[in-house]
C-alpha atoms as a PDB file:
ATOM      1  CA  MET A   1     -14.064   9.096  -7.775  1.00  0.00           C
ATOM      2  CA  HIS A   2     -16.756  10.624  -5.958  1.00  0.00           C
ATOM      3  CA  MET A   3     -18.868  13.510  -7.340  1.00  0.00           C
ATOM      4  CA  ALA A   4     -20.438  15.968  -5.421  1.00  0.00           C
ATOM      5  CA  ASP A   5     -23.966  17.099  -5.356  1.00  0.00           C
ATOM      6  CA  ALA A   6     -23.256  20.504  -7.011  1.00  0.00           C
ATOM      7  CA  LEU A   7     -21.989  18.680 -10.395  1.00  0.00           C
ATOM      8  CA  LEU A   8     -25.271  17.336 -11.083  1.00  0.00           C
ATOM      9  CA  SER A   9     -28.996  18.523 -11.805  1.00  0.00           C
ATOM     10  CA  PRO A  10     -31.816  16.727 -10.100  1.00  0.00           C
ATOM     11  CA  ALA A  11     -32.917  15.221 -13.313  1.00  0.00           C
ATOM     12  CA  VAL A  12     -29.618  13.318 -13.831  1.00  0.00           C
ATOM     13  CA  GLY A  13     -29.091  12.573 -10.268  1.00  0.00           C
ATOM     14  CA  GLY A  14     -32.654  11.140 -10.054  1.00  0.00           C
ATOM     15  CA  ALA A  15     -32.157   9.175 -13.123  1.00  0.00           C
ATOM     16  CA  LEU A  16     -28.960   7.465 -11.860  1.00  0.00           C
ATOM     17  CA  TRP A  17     -30.529   7.035  -8.391  1.00  0.00           C
ATOM     18  CA  ALA A  18     -33.304   4.976 -10.173  1.00  0.00           C
ATOM     19  CA  ALA A  19     -30.600   2.986 -12.455  1.00  0.00           C
ATOM     20  CA  SER A  20     -28.699   2.292  -9.260  1.00  0.00           C
ATOM     21  CA  SER A  21     -31.673   1.308  -7.117  1.00  0.00           C
ATOM     22  CA  GLY A  22     -32.677  -0.909 -10.082  1.00  0.00           C
ATOM     23  CA  ALA A  23     -29.254  -2.756 -10.123  1.00  0.00           C
ATOM     24  CA  ILE A  24     -29.216  -3.091  -6.487  1.00  0.00           C
ATOM     25  CA  ALA A  25     -32.552  -4.955  -6.293  1.00  0.00           C
ATOM     26  CA  HIS A  26     -31.480  -7.089  -8.937  1.00  0.00           C
ATOM     27  CA  CYS A  27     -28.327  -7.928  -7.347  1.00  0.00           C
ATOM     28  CA  SER A  28     -29.964  -8.533  -4.073  1.00  0.00           C
ATOM     29  CA  ALA A  29     -32.392 -11.036  -5.553  1.00  0.00           C
ATOM     30  CA  LYS A  30     -29.484 -12.738  -7.267  1.00  0.00           C
ATOM     31  CA  VAL A  31     -27.499 -13.032  -4.256  1.00  0.00           C
ATOM     32  CA  ARG A  32     -30.397 -14.220  -2.333  1.00  0.00           C
ATOM     33  CA  ARG A  33     -31.304 -16.830  -4.547  1.00  0.00           C
ATOM     34  CA  ASP A  34     -27.660 -18.120  -4.937  1.00  0.00           C
ATOM     35  CA  LEU A  35     -26.522 -17.424  -1.412  1.00  0.00           C
ATOM     36  CA  ASP A  36     -23.597 -19.253  -0.116  1.00  0.00           C
ATOM     37  CA  ASP A  37     -22.833 -18.892   3.636  1.00  0.00           C
ATOM     38  CA  ARG A  38     -19.070 -18.604   3.055  1.00  0.00           C
ATOM     39  CA  LYS A  39     -19.738 -15.596   0.857  1.00  0.00           C
ATOM     40  CA  VAL A  40     -21.422 -13.120   3.711  1.00  0.00           C
ATOM     41  CA  PRO A  41     -18.629 -12.973   5.817  1.00  0.00           C
ATOM     42  CA  LEU A  42     -16.102 -12.247   3.047  1.00  0.00           C
ATOM     43  CA  MET A  43     -18.332  -9.457   1.489  1.00  0.00           C
ATOM     44  CA  GLY A  44     -18.006  -7.997   5.159  1.00  0.00           C
ATOM     45  CA  VAL A  45     -14.549  -8.301   5.482  1.00  0.00           C
ATOM     46  CA  LEU A  46     -13.857  -7.118   1.873  1.00  0.00           C
ATOM     47  CA  GLY A  47     -16.144  -4.142   2.325  1.00  0.00           C
ATOM     48  CA  ALA A  48     -14.452  -3.031   5.373  1.00  0.00           C
ATOM     49  CA  PHE A  49     -11.154  -3.348   3.533  1.00  0.00           C
ATOM     50  CA  LEU A  50     -12.583  -1.383   0.730  1.00  0.00           C
ATOM     51  CA  PHE A  51     -13.956   1.248   2.826  1.00  0.00           C
ATOM     52  CA  ALA A  52     -10.620   1.679   4.612  1.00  0.00           C
ATOM     53  CA  ALA A  53      -8.876   2.010   1.374  1.00  0.00           C
ATOM     54  CA  GLN A  54     -11.408   4.264  -0.237  1.00  0.00           C
ATOM     55  CA  MET A  55     -11.031   6.625   2.746  1.00  0.00           C
ATOM     56  CA  ILE A  56      -7.378   7.700   1.348  1.00  0.00           C
ATOM     57  CA  ASN A  57      -8.567  10.019  -1.319  1.00  0.00           C
ATOM     58  CA  PHE A  58      -7.266  13.162  -3.069  1.00  0.00           C
ATOM     59  CA  SER A  59      -9.134  16.426  -4.545  1.00  0.00           C
ATOM     60  CA  ILE A  60      -9.074  16.838  -8.293  1.00  0.00           C
ATOM     61  CA  PRO A  61      -8.510  20.553  -8.830  1.00  0.00           C
ATOM     62  CA  GLY A  62     -11.326  22.214 -10.711  1.00  0.00           C
ATOM     63  CA  THR A  63     -13.510  19.717 -10.632  1.00  0.00           C
ATOM     64  CA  GLY A  64     -15.442  19.305  -7.373  1.00  0.00           C
ATOM     65  CA  SER A  65     -14.813  15.391  -7.309  1.00  0.00           C
ATOM     66  CA  SER A  66     -12.091  13.296  -5.583  1.00  0.00           C
ATOM     67  CA  GLY A  67      -9.918  10.613  -6.708  1.00  0.00           C
ATOM     68  CA  HIS A  68      -9.291   7.228  -4.555  1.00  0.00           C
ATOM     69  CA  LEU A  69      -8.216   3.780  -4.674  1.00  0.00           C
ATOM     70  CA  GLY A  70     -11.012   1.899  -6.345  1.00  0.00           C
ATOM     71  CA  GLY A  71     -11.562  -1.808  -5.381  1.00  0.00           C
ATOM     72  CA  GLY A  72     -14.540  -2.506  -7.607  1.00  0.00           C
ATOM     73  CA  LEU A  73     -12.569  -5.007  -9.826  1.00  0.00           C
ATOM     74  CA  LEU A  74     -10.788  -6.798  -6.914  1.00  0.00           C
ATOM     75  CA  LEU A  75     -14.341  -7.268  -5.175  1.00  0.00           C
ATOM     76  CA  THR A  76     -15.778  -8.543  -8.379  1.00  0.00           C
ATOM     77  CA  ILE A  77     -13.048 -11.106  -9.076  1.00  0.00           C
ATOM     78  CA  LEU A  78     -13.426 -12.412  -5.420  1.00  0.00           C
ATOM     79  CA  LEU A  79     -17.045 -12.088  -4.701  1.00  0.00           C
ATOM     80  CA  GLY A  80     -18.786 -12.255  -8.196  1.00  0.00           C
ATOM     81  CA  PRO A  81     -20.330  -9.244 -10.118  1.00  0.00           C
ATOM     82  CA  HIS A  82     -23.531  -9.319  -7.824  1.00  0.00           C
ATOM     83  CA  ALA A  83     -22.137  -9.793  -4.588  1.00  0.00           C
ATOM     84  CA  ALA A  84     -19.386  -6.994  -5.521  1.00  0.00           C
ATOM     85  CA  PHE A  85     -22.009  -4.622  -6.510  1.00  0.00           C
ATOM     86  CA  LEU A  86     -23.953  -5.004  -3.250  1.00  0.00           C
ATOM     87  CA  THR A  87     -20.763  -4.484  -1.197  1.00  0.00           C
ATOM     88  CA  ILE A  88     -19.660  -1.509  -3.221  1.00  0.00           C
ATOM     89  CA  ALA A  89     -23.073   0.228  -2.829  1.00  0.00           C
ATOM     90  CA  SER A  90     -23.018  -0.500   0.812  1.00  0.00           C
ATOM     91  CA  VAL A  91     -19.417   1.214   1.373  1.00  0.00           C
ATOM     92  CA  LEU A  92     -20.814   4.221  -0.580  1.00  0.00           C
ATOM     93  CA  VAL A  93     -23.678   4.658   1.284  1.00  0.00           C
ATOM     94  CA  VAL A  94     -21.931   4.486   4.798  1.00  0.00           C
ATOM     95  CA  GLN A  95     -19.355   7.174   2.985  1.00  0.00           C
ATOM     96  CA  ALA A  96     -21.907   9.361   1.884  1.00  0.00           C
ATOM     97  CA  LEU A  97     -23.936   9.344   5.173  1.00  0.00           C
ATOM     98  CA  PHE A  98     -21.317   9.545   7.689  1.00  0.00           C
ATOM     99  CA  PHE A  99     -18.115  10.932   5.844  1.00  0.00           C
ATOM    100  CA  ALA A 100     -19.686  13.546   3.224  1.00  0.00           C
ATOM    101  CA  ASP A 101     -17.855  11.611   0.428  1.00  0.00           C
ATOM    102  CA  GLY A 102     -19.976  12.626  -2.391  1.00  0.00           C
ATOM    103  CA  GLY A 103     -23.795  13.639  -1.628  1.00  0.00           C
ATOM    104  CA  LEU A 104     -27.144  11.990  -1.489  1.00  0.00           C
ATOM    105  CA  LEU A 105     -28.232  13.481  -5.050  1.00  0.00           C
ATOM    106  CA  ALA A 106     -25.031  12.150  -6.378  1.00  0.00           C
ATOM    107  CA  LEU A 107     -25.048   8.639  -4.432  1.00  0.00           C
ATOM    108  CA  GLY A 108     -26.864   7.033  -7.337  1.00  0.00           C
ATOM    109  CA  CYS A 109     -24.252   8.118  -9.893  1.00  0.00           C
ATOM    110  CA  ASN A 110     -21.295   7.333  -7.191  1.00  0.00           C
ATOM    111  CA  ILE A 111     -22.542   3.892  -6.805  1.00  0.00           C
ATOM    112  CA  PHE A 112     -23.248   3.198 -10.740  1.00  0.00           C
ATOM    113  CA  ASN A 113     -19.833   4.907 -11.728  1.00  0.00           C
ATOM    114  CA  LEU A 114     -17.935   2.827  -9.055  1.00  0.00           C
ATOM    115  CA  GLY A 115     -19.721  -0.280  -9.023  1.00  0.00           C
ATOM    116  CA  PHE A 116     -21.468  -0.903 -12.183  1.00  0.00           C
ATOM    117  CA  PHE A 117     -18.631  -0.461 -14.520  1.00  0.00           C
ATOM    118  CA  PRO A 118     -15.997  -2.459 -12.820  1.00  0.00           C
ATOM    119  CA  ALA A 119     -18.595  -5.297 -11.943  1.00  0.00           C
ATOM    120  CA  PHE A 120     -20.713  -5.616 -15.213  1.00  0.00           C
ATOM    121  CA  VAL A 121     -18.510  -4.275 -17.752  1.00  0.00           C
ATOM    122  CA  ALA A 122     -14.695  -4.318 -16.904  1.00  0.00           C
ATOM    123  CA  TYR A 123     -14.994  -7.851 -15.360  1.00  0.00           C
ATOM    124  CA  PRO A 124     -17.091  -9.534 -17.982  1.00  0.00           C
ATOM    125  CA  CYS A 125     -15.647  -7.878 -21.150  1.00  0.00           C
ATOM    126  CA  VAL A 126     -12.096  -7.579 -20.187  1.00  0.00           C
ATOM    127  CA  TYR A 127     -10.917  -9.569 -17.533  1.00  0.00           C
ATOM    128  CA  ARG A 128     -12.730 -12.680 -18.233  1.00  0.00           C
ATOM    129  CA  LYS A 129     -11.829 -12.699 -21.941  1.00  0.00           C
ATOM    130  CA  ILE A 130      -8.233 -12.079 -21.299  1.00  0.00           C
ATOM    131  CA  ALA A 131      -8.170 -14.476 -18.334  1.00  0.00           C
ATOM    132  CA  GLY A 132      -9.663 -17.096 -20.045  1.00  0.00           C
ATOM    133  CA  ASP A 133      -9.961 -20.449 -18.107  1.00  0.00           C
ATOM    134  CA  GLY A 134      -7.373 -21.826 -16.123  1.00  0.00           C
ATOM    135  CA  PRO A 135      -4.966 -18.578 -16.562  1.00  0.00           C
ATOM    136  CA  GLY A 136      -1.646 -18.466 -15.603  1.00  0.00           C
ATOM    137  CA  ARG A 137      -0.005 -15.708 -13.360  1.00  0.00           C
ATOM    138  CA  ALA A 138       1.038 -13.375 -16.302  1.00  0.00           C
ATOM    139  CA  ARG A 139      -2.554 -13.598 -18.100  1.00  0.00           C
ATOM    140  CA  ILE A 140      -3.963 -12.713 -14.677  1.00  0.00           C
ATOM    141  CA  THR A 141      -1.727  -9.922 -14.049  1.00  0.00           C
ATOM    142  CA  VAL A 142      -2.518  -8.617 -17.694  1.00  0.00           C
ATOM    143  CA  ALA A 143      -6.165  -9.245 -17.275  1.00  0.00           C
ATOM    144  CA  ALA A 144      -6.359  -7.546 -14.105  1.00  0.00           C
ATOM    145  CA  ILE A 145      -4.586  -4.313 -15.494  1.00  0.00           C
ATOM    146  CA  ALA A 146      -6.491  -4.161 -18.458  1.00  0.00           C
ATOM    147  CA  ALA A 147      -9.766  -4.273 -16.812  1.00  0.00           C
ATOM    148  CA  ALA A 148      -8.742  -1.947 -13.731  1.00  0.00           C
ATOM    149  CA  VAL A 149      -7.762   0.541 -16.377  1.00  0.00           C
ATOM    150  CA  ALA A 150     -10.969  -0.070 -18.556  1.00  0.00           C
ATOM    151  CA  GLY A 151     -13.400   0.496 -15.317  1.00  0.00           C
ATOM    152  CA  LEU A 152     -11.424   3.556 -14.449  1.00  0.00           C
ATOM    153  CA  GLN A 153     -11.789   5.164 -17.836  1.00  0.00           C
ATOM    154  CA  LEU A 154     -15.422   4.304 -17.806  1.00  0.00           C
ATOM    155  CA  GLY A 155     -15.827   5.689 -14.581  1.00  0.00           C
ATOM    156  CA  ALA A 156     -14.228   8.913 -15.419  1.00  0.00           C
ATOM    157  CA  LEU A 157     -15.984   9.255 -18.897  1.00  0.00           C
ATOM    158  CA  SER A 158     -19.385   8.578 -17.077  1.00  0.00           C
ATOM    159  CA  VAL A 159     -18.432  11.479 -14.595  1.00  0.00           C
ATOM    160  CA  VAL A 160     -18.095  13.689 -17.614  1.00  0.00           C
ATOM    161  CA  LEU A 161     -21.243  12.739 -19.405  1.00  0.00           C
ATOM    162  CA  GLU A 162     -23.413  12.801 -16.074  1.00  0.00           C
ATOM    163  CA  THR A 163     -22.044  16.658 -15.647  1.00  0.00           C
ATOM    164  CA  VAL A 164     -22.564  17.738 -19.115  1.00  0.00           C
ATOM    165  CA  SER A 165     -25.746  16.411 -19.295  1.00  0.00           C
ATOM    166  CA  SER A 166     -26.434  18.257 -16.024  1.00  0.00           C
ATOM    167  CA  GLY A 167     -25.377  21.501 -17.421  1.00  0.00           C
ATOM    168  CA  ILE A 168     -22.932  22.089 -14.852  1.00  0.00           C
ATOM    169  CA  THR A 169     -19.671  21.808 -16.399  1.00  0.00           C
ATOM    170  CA  SER A 170     -17.896  24.952 -17.513  1.00  0.00           C
ATOM    171  CA  LEU A 171     -16.054  22.728 -20.202  1.00  0.00           C
ATOM    172  CA  PRO A 172     -17.781  21.997 -23.627  1.00  0.00           C
ATOM    173  CA  PHE A 173     -17.642  18.163 -24.088  1.00  0.00           C
ATOM    174  CA  SER A 174     -15.421  18.455 -27.435  1.00  0.00           C
ATOM    175  CA  THR A 175     -12.626  19.692 -24.464  1.00  0.00           C
ATOM    176  CA  PHE A 176     -12.586  15.738 -23.545  1.00  0.00           C
ATOM    177  CA  ARG A 177     -11.488  14.461 -27.012  1.00  0.00           C
ATOM    178  CA  ARG A 178      -8.410  13.331 -28.009  1.00  0.00           C
ATOM    179  CA  PRO A 179      -5.710  16.343 -29.077  1.00  0.00           C
ATOM    180  CA  GLN A 180      -4.749  15.899 -32.825  1.00  0.00           C
ATOM    181  CA  CYS A 181      -1.340  16.158 -34.158  1.00  0.00           C
ATOM    182  CA  SER A 182      -0.490  18.602 -37.471  1.00  0.00           C
ATOM    183  CA  ARG A 183       2.110  17.688 -39.884  1.00  0.00           C
ATOM    184  CA  SER A 184       3.987  21.181 -39.021  1.00  0.00           C
ATOM    185  CA  THR A 185       7.693  20.583 -38.263  1.00  0.00           C
ATOM    186  CA  SER A 186       9.898  22.865 -36.229  1.00  0.00           C
ATOM    187  CA  PRO A 187      12.941  24.287 -37.825  1.00  0.00           C
ATOM    188  CA  SER A 188      15.107  21.214 -36.656  1.00  0.00           C
ATOM    189  CA  GLY A 189      12.671  19.116 -38.812  1.00  0.00           C
ATOM    190  CA  SER A 190      11.046  17.262 -35.626  1.00  0.00           C
ATOM    191  CA  TRP A 191       7.329  16.855 -35.423  1.00  0.00           C
ATOM    192  CA  LYS A 192       5.343  19.103 -33.321  1.00  0.00           C
ATOM    193  CA  GLY A 193       1.627  18.455 -31.810  1.00  0.00           C
ATOM    194  CA  SER A 194      -0.902  21.132 -31.873  1.00  0.00           C
END
């Protein structure tokens, strides 16, 4: 999901620019230190694929953001977290500068939301734990689905936290919590949610 500049205050946008810049510097140093000549062309090809896949997007009404296919987890599984984060960041920079997907103020947030969570949270904490060593097809499928959902939900939660922190959202944060069910029943005796 790409955020627009209008959803962010300069303080929040600047803070996420700094966080994303630090992550890019760290990943660049790590990839340079562990450089594998076979990985560089793969980063380019997968970056082009992700770029094309992310161009298919849809507007999320009333939010000022858009949703699209996210390939962060796929890149992380194929390239490793550091190279995947750099590839995602490169794609997002091109999209922001040439295709107006997000803005310059929101670029740090978009890199963090679409790159950090799949590469450094969903992959090691969900995918690797479920897939384990020498996994079969079923375990890989379950691990990929669970990690993709986790990365997506963390990115969406981050968008909510960033807009609430910016004071831009018209909804209070409590609106985003899970609805509660009451024990009231309908005349037929079935349960009704409130």
